C-alpha atoms as a PDB file:
ATOM      1  CA  MET A   1      92.390  97.017 106.217  1.00  0.00           C
ATOM      2  CA  GLU A   2      90.630  96.711 109.666  1.00  0.00           C
ATOM      3  CA  VAL A   3      94.160  94.641 110.681  1.00  0.00           C
ATOM      4  CA  ALA A   4      95.888  98.556 109.583  1.00  0.00           C
ATOM      5  CA  ASN A   5      93.735 100.530 112.293  1.00  0.00           C
ATOM      6  CA  LEU A   6      94.773  98.320 115.339  1.00  0.00           C
ATOM      7  CA  LEU A   7      98.473  98.770 114.301  1.00  0.00           C
ATOM      8  CA  PRO A   8      98.630 102.222 113.679  1.00  0.00           C
ATOM      9  CA  ASN A   9     102.091 102.312 114.922  1.00  0.00           C
ATOM     10  CA  LEU A  10     103.107 100.053 111.369  1.00  0.00           C
ATOM     11  CA  GLU A  11     103.579 102.129 108.476  1.00  0.00           C
ATOM     12  CA  LYS A  12     101.549 101.360 104.843  1.00  0.00           C
ATOM     13  CA  GLU A  13     104.497  99.551 103.719  1.00  0.00           C
ATOM     14  CA  ASP A  14     105.528  97.616 106.614  1.00  0.00           C
ATOM     15  CA  PHE A  15     101.600  96.557 106.997  1.00  0.00           C
ATOM     16  CA  ARG A  16     101.569  95.155 103.355  1.00  0.00           C
ATOM     17  CA  VAL A  17     104.906  93.307 103.979  1.00  0.00           C
ATOM     18  CA  LEU A  18     102.876  91.339 106.680  1.00  0.00           C
ATOM     19  CA  MET A  19     100.227  90.617 104.984  1.00  0.00           C
ATOM     20  CA  ALA A  20     102.566  89.458 102.019  1.00  0.00           C
ATOM     21  CA  ILE A  21     104.390  87.361 104.881  1.00  0.00           C
ATOM     22  CA  GLU A  22     101.162  85.794 105.588  1.00  0.00           C
ATOM     23  CA  ILE A  23     100.040  84.820 101.844  1.00  0.00           C
ATOM     24  CA  GLY A  24     102.949  83.551 101.492  1.00  0.00           C
ATOM     25  CA  MET A  25     102.430  81.090 104.550  1.00  0.00           C
END
């Protein structure tokens, strides 16, 4: 979850979506 610290603007939900997209790719 280190990336979450770098992107404090993104909420937990948004961060989870980004993770899902990366995993999907």
